[in-house]
C-alpha atoms as a PDB file:
ATOM      1  CA  MET A   1      -4.618-185.860  13.238  1.00  0.00           C
ATOM      2  CA  ASN A   2      -4.023-188.080  10.088  1.00  0.00           C
ATOM      3  CA  ARG A   3      -4.264-185.252   7.406  1.00  0.00           C
ATOM      4  CA  TRP A   4      -1.766-183.193   9.660  1.00  0.00           C
ATOM      5  CA  ASN A   5       0.244-186.291   9.275  1.00  0.00           C
ATOM      6  CA  ARG A   6       0.330-186.431   5.837  1.00  0.00           C
ATOM      7  CA  ASP A   7       0.505-182.368   5.539  1.00  0.00           C
ATOM      8  CA  SER A   8       3.935-182.932   7.496  1.00  0.00           C
ATOM      9  CA  GLU A   9       5.517-185.545   4.945  1.00  0.00           C
ATOM     10  CA  ASN A  10       4.338-183.680   2.104  1.00  0.00           C
ATOM     11  CA  ARG A  11       6.527-180.865   3.302  1.00  0.00           C
ATOM     12  CA  SER A  12       9.470-182.872   4.264  1.00  0.00           C
ATOM     13  CA  GLU A  13       9.706-184.284   0.896  1.00  0.00           C
ATOM     14  CA  CYS A  14       9.349-180.676  -0.873  1.00  0.00           C
ATOM     15  CA  GLU A  15      12.069-179.853   1.965  1.00  0.00           C
ATOM     16  CA  GLY A  16      14.259-182.363   0.970  1.00  0.00           C
ATOM     17  CA  TRP A  17      13.347-182.534  -2.690  1.00  0.00           C
ATOM     18  CA  ARG A  18      14.856-178.466  -2.621  1.00  0.00           C
ATOM     19  CA  SER A  19      17.394-179.535  -0.270  1.00  0.00           C
ATOM     20  CA  TYR A  20      19.122-182.051  -3.163  1.00  0.00           C
ATOM     21  CA  LEU A  21      18.231-179.627  -5.669  1.00  0.00           C
ATOM     22  CA  TYR A  22      20.207-176.629  -4.093  1.00  0.00           C
ATOM     23  CA  LYS A  23      23.107-178.929  -3.748  1.00  0.00           C
ATOM     24  CA  TYR A  24      23.284-180.011  -7.421  1.00  0.00           C
ATOM     25  CA  ILE A  25      23.151-176.517  -8.441  1.00  0.00           C
ATOM     26  CA  PHE A  26      24.901-174.179  -6.169  1.00  0.00           C
ATOM     27  CA  GLU A  27      27.638-176.564  -4.767  1.00  0.00           C
ATOM     28  CA  ALA A  28      30.259-177.559  -7.236  1.00  0.00           C
ATOM     29  CA  ASP A  29      32.057-180.141  -4.383  1.00  0.00           C
ATOM     30  CA  THR A  30      29.366-182.740  -5.210  1.00  0.00           C
ATOM     31  CA  PRO A  31      30.267-184.721  -8.476  1.00  0.00           C
ATOM     32  CA  ILE A  32      26.508-184.017 -10.272  1.00  0.00           C
ATOM     33  CA  GLY A  33      26.725-180.201  -9.273  1.00  0.00           C
ATOM     34  CA  LYS A  34      30.488-180.295 -10.682  1.00  0.00           C
ATOM     35  CA  TYR A  35      29.422-182.093 -13.689  1.00  0.00           C
ATOM     36  CA  PHE A  36      25.976-179.029 -13.769  1.00  0.00           C
ATOM     37  CA  ASP A  37      28.534-176.363 -13.156  1.00  0.00           C
ATOM     38  CA  ILE A  38      30.756-177.645 -16.455  1.00  0.00           C
ATOM     39  CA  THR A  39      27.790-177.773 -18.474  1.00  0.00           C
ATOM     40  CA  LEU A  40      26.218-174.124 -17.761  1.00  0.00           C
ATOM     41  CA  ILE A  41      29.691-172.533 -18.493  1.00  0.00           C
ATOM     42  CA  ILE A  42      29.677-174.994 -22.099  1.00  0.00           C
ATOM     43  CA  THR A  43      26.183-173.907 -22.369  1.00  0.00           C
ATOM     44  CA  ILE A  44      26.967-170.043 -21.777  1.00  0.00           C
ATOM     45  CA  VAL A  45      29.907-169.745 -23.984  1.00  0.00           C
ATOM     46  CA  LEU A  46      27.945-171.660 -26.555  1.00  0.00           C
ATOM     47  CA  SER A  47      25.190-168.639 -26.034  1.00  0.00           C
ATOM     48  CA  VAL A  48      27.823-165.928 -26.173  1.00  0.00           C
ATOM     49  CA  LEU A  49      28.854-166.863 -29.514  1.00  0.00           C
ATOM     50  CA  VAL A  50      25.674-167.448 -31.317  1.00  0.00           C
ATOM     51  CA  VAL A  51      25.372-163.228 -30.145  1.00  0.00           C
ATOM     52  CA  MET A  52      28.618-162.761 -31.338  1.00  0.00           C
ATOM     53  CA  LEU A  53      28.138-164.239 -34.863  1.00  0.00           C
ATOM     54  CA  ASP A  54      24.553-163.061 -35.264  1.00  0.00           C
ATOM     55  CA  SER A  55      25.845-159.558 -35.229  1.00  0.00           C
ATOM     56  CA  VAL A  56      28.257-160.726 -38.326  1.00  0.00           C
ATOM     57  CA  HIS A  57      26.102-159.388 -41.477  1.00  0.00           C
ATOM     58  CA  SER A  58      28.049-162.136 -43.622  1.00  0.00           C
ATOM     59  CA  ILE A  59      26.843-164.915 -41.591  1.00  0.00           C
ATOM     60  CA  SER A  60      23.344-163.665 -40.085  1.00  0.00           C
ATOM     61  CA  SER A  61      22.098-163.130 -43.076  1.00  0.00           C
ATOM     62  CA  ILE A  62      22.773-166.986 -44.034  1.00  0.00           C
ATOM     63  CA  HIS A  63      22.005-168.622 -41.204  1.00  0.00           C
ATOM     64  CA  HIS A  64      20.091-165.849 -39.143  1.00  0.00           C
ATOM     65  CA  GLN A  65      17.131-168.108 -38.457  1.00  0.00           C
ATOM     66  CA  LYS A  66      19.650-171.188 -37.075  1.00  0.00           C
ATOM     67  CA  LEU A  67      21.235-168.779 -34.968  1.00  0.00           C
ATOM     68  CA  TYR A  68      17.569-167.254 -33.432  1.00  0.00           C
ATOM     69  CA  MET A  69      16.563-170.776 -32.973  1.00  0.00           C
ATOM     70  CA  ALA A  70      19.777-171.444 -31.028  1.00  0.00           C
ATOM     71  CA  GLU A  71      19.180-168.221 -28.699  1.00  0.00           C
ATOM     72  CA  ILE A  72      15.834-169.056 -27.949  1.00  0.00           C
ATOM     73  CA  ILE A  73      16.742-172.645 -26.941  1.00  0.00           C
ATOM     74  CA  PHE A  74      18.929-170.958 -25.154  1.00  0.00           C
ATOM     75  CA  THR A  75      17.245-168.886 -23.521  1.00  0.00           C
ATOM     76  CA  VAL A  76      14.481-171.073 -22.494  1.00  0.00           C
ATOM     77  CA  LEU A  77      17.518-172.846 -20.752  1.00  0.00           C
ATOM     78  CA  PHE A  78      18.659-169.903 -18.740  1.00  0.00           C
ATOM     79  CA  THR A  79      14.689-169.075 -17.697  1.00  0.00           C
ATOM     80  CA  ILE A  80      14.149-172.475 -16.492  1.00  0.00           C
ATOM     81  CA  GLU A  81      17.782-172.762 -14.802  1.00  0.00           C
ATOM     82  CA  TYR A  82      16.733-169.210 -13.000  1.00  0.00           C
ATOM     83  CA  LEU A  83      13.583-170.764 -11.956  1.00  0.00           C
ATOM     84  CA  LEU A  84      15.049-173.710 -10.445  1.00  0.00           C
ATOM     85  CA  ARG A  85      17.435-171.409  -8.498  1.00  0.00           C
ATOM     86  CA  MET A  86      14.598-169.094  -6.932  1.00  0.00           C
ATOM     87  CA  ILE A  87      12.751-172.158  -6.239  1.00  0.00           C
ATOM     88  CA  CYS A  88      15.518-174.341  -4.351  1.00  0.00           C
ATOM     89  CA  VAL A  89      16.638-171.386  -1.765  1.00  0.00           C
ATOM     90  CA  LYS A  90      14.994-169.571   0.738  1.00  0.00           C
ATOM     91  CA  SER A  91      15.807-166.409   0.756  1.00  0.00           C
ATOM     92  CA  LYS A  92      14.442-165.717  -2.961  1.00  0.00           C
ATOM     93  CA  VAL A  93      14.720-161.824  -2.835  1.00  0.00           C
ATOM     94  CA  ARG A  94      18.083-161.967  -1.470  1.00  0.00           C
ATOM     95  CA  TYR A  95      19.173-164.416  -4.100  1.00  0.00           C
ATOM     96  CA  ALA A  96      17.624-162.205  -6.653  1.00  0.00           C
ATOM     97  CA  THR A  97      19.287-159.186  -5.744  1.00  0.00           C
ATOM     98  CA  SER A  98      22.773-160.702  -5.254  1.00  0.00           C
ATOM     99  CA  PHE A  99      24.971-160.133  -8.160  1.00  0.00           C
ATOM    100  CA  PHE A 100      24.554-163.675  -9.912  1.00  0.00           C
ATOM    101  CA  GLY A 101      20.822-163.025  -9.146  1.00  0.00           C
ATOM    102  CA  ILE A 102      20.674-160.327 -10.986  1.00  0.00           C
ATOM    103  CA  ILE A 103      23.687-161.377 -13.522  1.00  0.00           C
ATOM    104  CA  ASP A 104      21.359-164.622 -13.951  1.00  0.00           C
ATOM    105  CA  LEU A 105      18.236-162.706 -14.374  1.00  0.00           C
ATOM    106  CA  LEU A 106      19.995-160.301 -16.914  1.00  0.00           C
ATOM    107  CA  ALA A 107      20.661-163.052 -18.875  1.00  0.00           C
ATOM    108  CA  ILE A 108      17.250-164.038 -19.852  1.00  0.00           C
ATOM    109  CA  VAL A 109      15.452-160.226 -20.101  1.00  0.00           C
ATOM    110  CA  PRO A 110      17.089-158.582 -23.559  1.00  0.00           C
ATOM    111  CA  THR A 111      15.409-161.891 -25.618  1.00  0.00           C
ATOM    112  CA  TYR A 112      11.836-161.285 -24.318  1.00  0.00           C
ATOM    113  CA  LEU A 113      12.591-157.878 -24.298  1.00  0.00           C
ATOM    114  CA  SER A 114      13.776-158.230 -28.357  1.00  0.00           C
ATOM    115  CA  LEU A 115       9.935-158.927 -29.036  1.00  0.00           C
ATOM    116  CA  PHE A 116       9.180-155.594 -27.865  1.00  0.00           C
ATOM    117  CA  LEU A 117      12.656-153.937 -29.006  1.00  0.00           C
ATOM    118  CA  PRO A 118      14.213-155.382 -31.925  1.00  0.00           C
ATOM    119  CA  GLY A 119      18.444-155.010 -31.359  1.00  0.00           C
ATOM    120  CA  SER A 120      18.160-155.620 -27.565  1.00  0.00           C
ATOM    121  CA  GLN A 121      19.511-158.902 -27.989  1.00  0.00           C
ATOM    122  CA  TYR A 122      22.611-158.203 -28.666  1.00  0.00           C
ATOM    123  CA  LEU A 123      22.700-157.157 -24.951  1.00  0.00           C
ATOM    124  CA  LEU A 124      22.920-160.893 -24.294  1.00  0.00           C
ATOM    125  CA  ILE A 125      26.280-160.251 -24.270  1.00  0.00           C
ATOM    126  CA  ILE A 126      25.880-159.345 -20.997  1.00  0.00           C
ATOM    127  CA  ARG A 127      26.032-163.336 -20.660  1.00  0.00           C
ATOM    128  CA  VAL A 128      29.461-163.120 -20.567  1.00  0.00           C
ATOM    129  CA  PHE A 129      29.819-162.537 -16.832  1.00  0.00           C
ATOM    130  CA  ARG A 130      28.229-166.018 -15.656  1.00  0.00           C
ATOM    131  CA  LEU A 131      31.915-167.530 -16.800  1.00  0.00           C
ATOM    132  CA  LEU A 132      32.778-165.885 -13.821  1.00  0.00           C
ATOM    133  CA  ARG A 133      31.403-169.314 -12.047  1.00  0.00           C
ATOM    134  CA  ILE A 134      34.226-170.901 -13.590  1.00  0.00           C
ATOM    135  CA  PHE A 135      36.616-169.914 -10.628  1.00  0.00           C
ATOM    136  CA  ARG A 136      34.420-171.602  -8.397  1.00  0.00           C
ATOM    137  CA  VAL A 137      34.233-174.874 -10.883  1.00  0.00           C
ATOM    138  CA  LEU A 138      37.793-175.095 -11.622  1.00  0.00           C
ATOM    139  CA  LYS A 139      38.212-174.224  -7.290  1.00  0.00           C
ATOM    140  CA  LEU A 140      41.108-171.742  -8.498  1.00  0.00           C
ATOM    141  CA  VAL A 141      40.702-169.987  -4.748  1.00  0.00           C
ATOM    142  CA  GLN A 142      44.390-168.670  -5.074  1.00  0.00           C
ATOM    143  CA  TYR A 143      42.787-165.943  -7.840  1.00  0.00           C
ATOM    144  CA  LEU A 144      40.020-165.580  -5.478  1.00  0.00           C
ATOM    145  CA  SER A 145      42.414-164.492  -2.869  1.00  0.00           C
ATOM    146  CA  GLU A 146      44.172-162.005  -5.026  1.00  0.00           C
ATOM    147  CA  ALA A 147      41.239-160.736  -6.355  1.00  0.00           C
ATOM    148  CA  ASP A 148      40.088-159.714  -2.783  1.00  0.00           C
ATOM    149  CA  ILE A 149      44.126-158.052  -2.594  1.00  0.00           C
ATOM    150  CA  LEU A 150      43.272-155.849  -5.721  1.00  0.00           C
ATOM    151  CA  VAL A 151      40.431-154.498  -4.588  1.00  0.00           C
ATOM    152  CA  GLN A 152      41.240-153.735  -1.188  1.00  0.00           C
ATOM    153  CA  ALA A 153      44.663-151.860  -2.420  1.00  0.00           C
ATOM    154  CA  LEU A 154      41.784-150.421  -5.390  1.00  0.00           C
ATOM    155  CA  LYS A 155      39.941-149.272  -1.892  1.00  0.00           C
ATOM    156  CA  ASP A 156      43.011-147.990  -0.386  1.00  0.00           C
ATOM    157  CA  SER A 157      44.614-145.705  -2.913  1.00  0.00           C
ATOM    158  CA  SER A 158      40.727-144.297  -4.159  1.00  0.00           C
ATOM    159  CA  LYS A 159      41.438-140.915  -2.551  1.00  0.00           C
ATOM    160  CA  LYS A 160      44.781-140.609  -4.280  1.00  0.00           C
ATOM    161  CA  ILE A 161      43.701-141.533  -7.800  1.00  0.00           C
ATOM    162  CA  THR A 162      40.781-138.702  -7.501  1.00  0.00           C
ATOM    163  CA  VAL A 163      43.293-136.109  -6.364  1.00  0.00           C
ATOM    164  CA  PHE A 164      45.157-137.282  -9.573  1.00  0.00           C
ATOM    165  CA  THR A 165      42.314-137.253 -11.215  1.00  0.00           C
ATOM    166  CA  PHE A 166      40.949-133.723 -11.016  1.00  0.00           C
ATOM    167  CA  THR A 167      44.873-132.540 -11.154  1.00  0.00           C
ATOM    168  CA  VAL A 168      44.542-133.895 -14.800  1.00  0.00           C
ATOM    169  CA  LEU A 169      41.698-132.606 -15.288  1.00  0.00           C
ATOM    170  CA  ASN A 170      42.646-129.271 -14.682  1.00  0.00           C
ATOM    171  CA  LEU A 171      46.144-129.715 -16.850  1.00  0.00           C
ATOM    172  CA  VAL A 172      43.454-130.480 -19.808  1.00  0.00           C
ATOM    173  CA  ILE A 173      41.641-127.670 -19.597  1.00  0.00           C
ATOM    174  CA  ILE A 174      44.517-125.227 -19.281  1.00  0.00           C
ATOM    175  CA  LEU A 175      46.178-127.009 -21.834  1.00  0.00           C
ATOM    176  CA  GLY A 176      43.477-127.129 -24.426  1.00  0.00           C
ATOM    177  CA  SER A 177      42.425-122.563 -23.508  1.00  0.00           C
ATOM    178  CA  MET A 178      46.265-122.550 -24.001  1.00  0.00           C
ATOM    179  CA  MET A 179      46.197-124.248 -27.209  1.00  0.00           C
ATOM    180  CA  TYR A 180      43.248-122.853 -28.276  1.00  0.00           C
ATOM    181  CA  VAL A 181      44.567-119.156 -27.977  1.00  0.00           C
ATOM    182  CA  ILE A 182      48.376-119.902 -29.775  1.00  0.00           C
ATOM    183  CA  GLU A 183      46.479-121.816 -32.690  1.00  0.00           C
ATOM    184  CA  GLY A 184      42.973-120.170 -33.080  1.00  0.00           C
ATOM    185  CA  GLU A 185      40.315-121.339 -35.340  1.00  0.00           C
ATOM    186  CA  GLN A 186      42.005-121.098 -38.739  1.00  0.00           C
ATOM    187  CA  ASN A 187      44.055-124.283 -37.407  1.00  0.00           C
ATOM    188  CA  GLY A 188      40.965-126.364 -36.708  1.00  0.00           C
ATOM    189  CA  PHE A 189      40.890-125.390 -33.063  1.00  0.00           C
ATOM    190  CA  THR A 190      37.331-123.724 -33.328  1.00  0.00           C
ATOM    191  CA  SER A 191      36.364-124.055 -29.475  1.00  0.00           C
ATOM    192  CA  ILE A 192      37.481-124.446 -26.465  1.00  0.00           C
ATOM    193  CA  PRO A 193      36.013-128.058 -25.733  1.00  0.00           C
ATOM    194  CA  ARG A 194      37.538-129.025 -28.855  1.00  0.00           C
ATOM    195  CA  SER A 195      41.070-127.373 -28.070  1.00  0.00           C
ATOM    196  CA  VAL A 196      40.607-129.845 -24.635  1.00  0.00           C
ATOM    197  CA  PHE A 197      39.747-132.738 -26.302  1.00  0.00           C
ATOM    198  CA  TRP A 198      42.830-132.492 -28.474  1.00  0.00           C
ATOM    199  CA  ALA A 199      44.592-132.142 -25.194  1.00  0.00           C
ATOM    200  CA  ILE A 200      43.439-134.915 -23.263  1.00  0.00           C
ATOM    201  CA  THR A 201      44.411-137.375 -26.936  1.00  0.00           C
ATOM    202  CA  THR A 202      47.931-136.080 -26.890  1.00  0.00           C
ATOM    203  CA  LEU A 203      48.532-135.771 -22.994  1.00  0.00           C
ATOM    204  CA  THR A 204      47.139-140.125 -22.869  1.00  0.00           C
ATOM    205  CA  THR A 205      49.903-140.511 -25.805  1.00  0.00           C
ATOM    206  CA  VAL A 206      46.518-141.583 -27.965  1.00  0.00           C
ATOM    207  CA  GLY A 207      46.638-138.880 -30.815  1.00  0.00           C
ATOM    208  CA  TYR A 208      43.849-139.369 -33.189  1.00  0.00           C
ATOM    209  CA  GLY A 209      45.584-136.956 -36.131  1.00  0.00           C
ATOM    210  CA  ASP A 210      42.290-134.928 -36.406  1.00  0.00           C
ATOM    211  CA  LEU A 211      43.622-131.878 -35.274  1.00  0.00           C
ATOM    212  CA  VAL A 212      47.165-130.734 -35.569  1.00  0.00           C
ATOM    213  CA  PRO A 213      49.332-127.771 -34.061  1.00  0.00           C
ATOM    214  CA  VAL A 214      50.562-125.889 -37.588  1.00  0.00           C
ATOM    215  CA  THR A 215      52.604-122.679 -35.660  1.00  0.00           C
ATOM    216  CA  PRO A 216      55.676-123.130 -34.399  1.00  0.00           C
ATOM    217  CA  LEU A 217      54.493-122.281 -30.913  1.00  0.00           C
ATOM    218  CA  GLY A 218      52.136-124.875 -30.916  1.00  0.00           C
ATOM    219  CA  GLN A 219      54.344-127.614 -32.049  1.00  0.00           C
ATOM    220  CA  ALA A 220      56.283-126.296 -29.427  1.00  0.00           C
ATOM    221  CA  MET A 221      54.130-126.961 -26.513  1.00  0.00           C
ATOM    222  CA  ALA A 222      52.599-129.904 -27.789  1.00  0.00           C
ATOM    223  CA  SER A 223      55.867-131.319 -27.807  1.00  0.00           C
ATOM    224  CA  VAL A 224      55.910-130.408 -23.780  1.00  0.00           C
ATOM    225  CA  VAL A 225      52.166-131.996 -23.535  1.00  0.00           C
ATOM    226  CA  MET A 226      53.380-135.255 -25.057  1.00  0.00           C
ATOM    227  CA  LEU A 227      56.650-135.766 -22.747  1.00  0.00           C
ATOM    228  CA  LEU A 228      54.374-134.651 -19.970  1.00  0.00           C
ATOM    229  CA  GLY A 229      52.279-137.534 -20.925  1.00  0.00           C
ATOM    230  CA  TYR A 230      54.333-140.425 -20.259  1.00  0.00           C
ATOM    231  CA  SER A 231      55.439-138.951 -17.159  1.00  0.00           C
ATOM    232  CA  ILE A 232      51.957-138.716 -15.861  1.00  0.00           C
ATOM    233  CA  ILE A 233      51.275-142.473 -16.752  1.00  0.00           C
ATOM    234  CA  ALA A 234      53.513-143.507 -14.586  1.00  0.00           C
ATOM    235  CA  VAL A 235      51.685-142.057 -11.524  1.00  0.00           C
ATOM    236  CA  PRO A 236      48.781-143.928 -11.080  1.00  0.00           C
ATOM    237  CA  THR A 237      50.711-147.354 -11.805  1.00  0.00           C
ATOM    238  CA  GLY A 238      52.762-146.067  -8.858  1.00  0.00           C
ATOM    239  CA  ILE A 239      49.877-145.128  -6.589  1.00  0.00           C
ATOM    240  CA  ILE A 240      48.303-148.795  -7.002  1.00  0.00           C
ATOM    241  CA  THR A 241      50.917-150.542  -6.896  1.00  0.00           C
ATOM    242  CA  HIS A 242      52.158-149.478  -3.637  1.00  0.00           C
ATOM    243  CA  SER A 243      48.549-150.147  -2.694  1.00  0.00           C
ATOM    244  CA  ILE A 244      48.942-153.437  -3.533  1.00  0.00           C
ATOM    245  CA  ILE A 245      52.315-153.904  -1.636  1.00  0.00           C
ATOM    246  CA  ASN A 246      51.100-152.932   1.731  1.00  0.00           C
ATOM    247  CA  THR A 247      47.573-154.958   1.146  1.00  0.00           C
ATOM    248  CA  SER A 248      49.643-157.893   0.488  1.00  0.00           C
ATOM    249  CA  MET A 249      51.933-157.371   3.213  1.00  0.00           C
ATOM    250  CA  ALA A 250      49.444-156.457   6.048  1.00  0.00           C
ATOM    251  CA  ALA A 251      47.513-159.791   4.888  1.00  0.00           C
ATOM    252  CA  ARG A 252      47.717-162.049   7.437  1.00  0.00           C
ATOM    253  CA  PRO A 253      49.044-165.945   6.031  1.00  0.00           C
ATOM    254  CA  ILE A 254      46.917-168.145   6.991  1.00  0.00           C
ATOM    255  CA  ILE A 255      48.048-172.283   6.227  1.00  0.00           C
ATOM    256  CA  ILE A 256      45.299-174.257   5.486  1.00  0.00           C
ATOM    257  CA  SER A 257      45.130-177.374   3.281  1.00  0.00           C
ATOM    258  CA  GLU A 258      43.679-176.976  -0.049  1.00  0.00           C
ATOM    259  CA  LYS A 259      41.119-178.892   0.354  1.00  0.00           C
ATOM    260  CA  THR A 260      39.790-177.149   3.470  1.00  0.00           C
ATOM    261  CA  LYS A 261      39.862-174.117   1.308  1.00  0.00           C
ATOM    262  CA  ASP A 262      38.216-175.585  -1.819  1.00  0.00           C
ATOM    263  CA  VAL A 263      35.521-177.077   1.138  1.00  0.00           C
ATOM    264  CA  ALA A 264      34.852-173.824   2.440  1.00  0.00           C
ATOM    265  CA  LEU A 265      35.066-171.549  -0.556  1.00  0.00           C
ATOM    266  CA  ASN A 266      32.460-174.129  -2.005  1.00  0.00           C
ATOM    267  CA  ILE A 267      30.140-174.133   0.834  1.00  0.00           C
ATOM    268  CA  ALA A 268      26.646-171.727  -0.348  1.00  0.00           C
ATOM    269  CA  CYS A 269      24.347-170.493   1.907  1.00  0.00           C
ATOM    270  CA  HIS A 270      20.906-172.293   1.935  1.00  0.00           C
ATOM    271  CA  ASN A 271      19.177-168.872   2.260  1.00  0.00           C
ATOM    272  CA  CYS A 272      20.506-166.683   0.092  1.00  0.00           C
ATOM    273  CA  GLY A 273      23.184-169.021  -2.477  1.00  0.00           C
ATOM    274  CA  LEU A 274      26.333-166.990  -1.099  1.00  0.00           C
ATOM    275  CA  GLN A 275      29.464-168.469  -1.548  1.00  0.00           C
ATOM    276  CA  GLY A 276      33.328-168.042  -0.393  1.00  0.00           C
ATOM    277  CA  HIS A 277      32.540-167.929   3.103  1.00  0.00           C
ATOM    278  CA  ASP A 278      35.688-168.294   5.483  1.00  0.00           C
ATOM    279  CA  THR A 279      36.641-171.282   7.043  1.00  0.00           C
ATOM    280  CA  ASP A 280      36.215-171.140  10.098  1.00  0.00           C
ATOM    281  CA  ALA A 281      32.546-169.530   9.721  1.00  0.00           C
ATOM    282  CA  PHE A 282      29.286-171.284  10.953  1.00  0.00           C
ATOM    283  CA  PHE A 283      26.519-168.215   9.818  1.00  0.00           C
ATOM    284  CA  CYS A 284      26.783-166.684   6.458  1.00  0.00           C
ATOM    285  CA  LYS A 285      28.226-163.471   6.463  1.00  0.00           C
ATOM    286  CA  ASN A 286      25.511-162.024   3.753  1.00  0.00           C
ATOM    287  CA  CYS A 287      22.112-162.701   5.076  1.00  0.00           C
ATOM    288  CA  GLY A 288      23.249-164.304   9.004  1.00  0.00           C
ATOM    289  CA  ALA A 289      21.488-167.970   8.206  1.00  0.00           C
ATOM    290  CA  LYS A 290      23.271-170.913   9.919  1.00  0.00           C
ATOM    291  CA  LEU A 291      25.277-172.331   7.251  1.00  0.00           C
END
């Protein structure tokens, strides 16, 4: 009986320790949690800067050893942080397969991978995605809501954008083929794929200048393609803008104090670590656990 009581007490102490750790790591509405996230963001910025400096040959040739040691230190810190996150969440699989869980893992894998594949350490630049936490730390609620509107607008206009892209693809194939026939191989248009490449760069108003029509008919056609490019640019912009306006007007206005919004967005699920729940939510929208 005494042994059972001791095991129960140890289990309660362990859960209490994990609960405090969870609050400090996942929730930014506590002073310690906020300081932790700010420190983490600063560390991420410094680690990304180290990776960028290491890619500059003039700097790397002199300070490569120092930069390498700094990267090892950052990787160890991020590894410890990842393990702590895995320890304090109840559903480790859900956290590991979540967006931030995958990004947190990818932030440390390239360093270990570089031991077997030299050069792969530059993939550490993916750590910049971890800076998305700044929206939660600084409580930029309005940016999160605007991002939802933008995502919804892109979803609503996806079919129109697909049709538009398919139409443009057919257009550049036709224009490229016509230019191949007009100019020919003697003027640099050696094949239809190469001519299609010219049509794409011209229609998108990029114009690398590596292929230039020489014949009067070819130049006249190039002029038409350039003018056509300017008119086409406005089409996807108009489609997305129209969708954004409709989505914004359809969004139901919710009048909630900023403090209430901040608290709701900073509540993290103890099971999977997801944040950004609705203000009236009692259960996690990802795993269904009680908040």
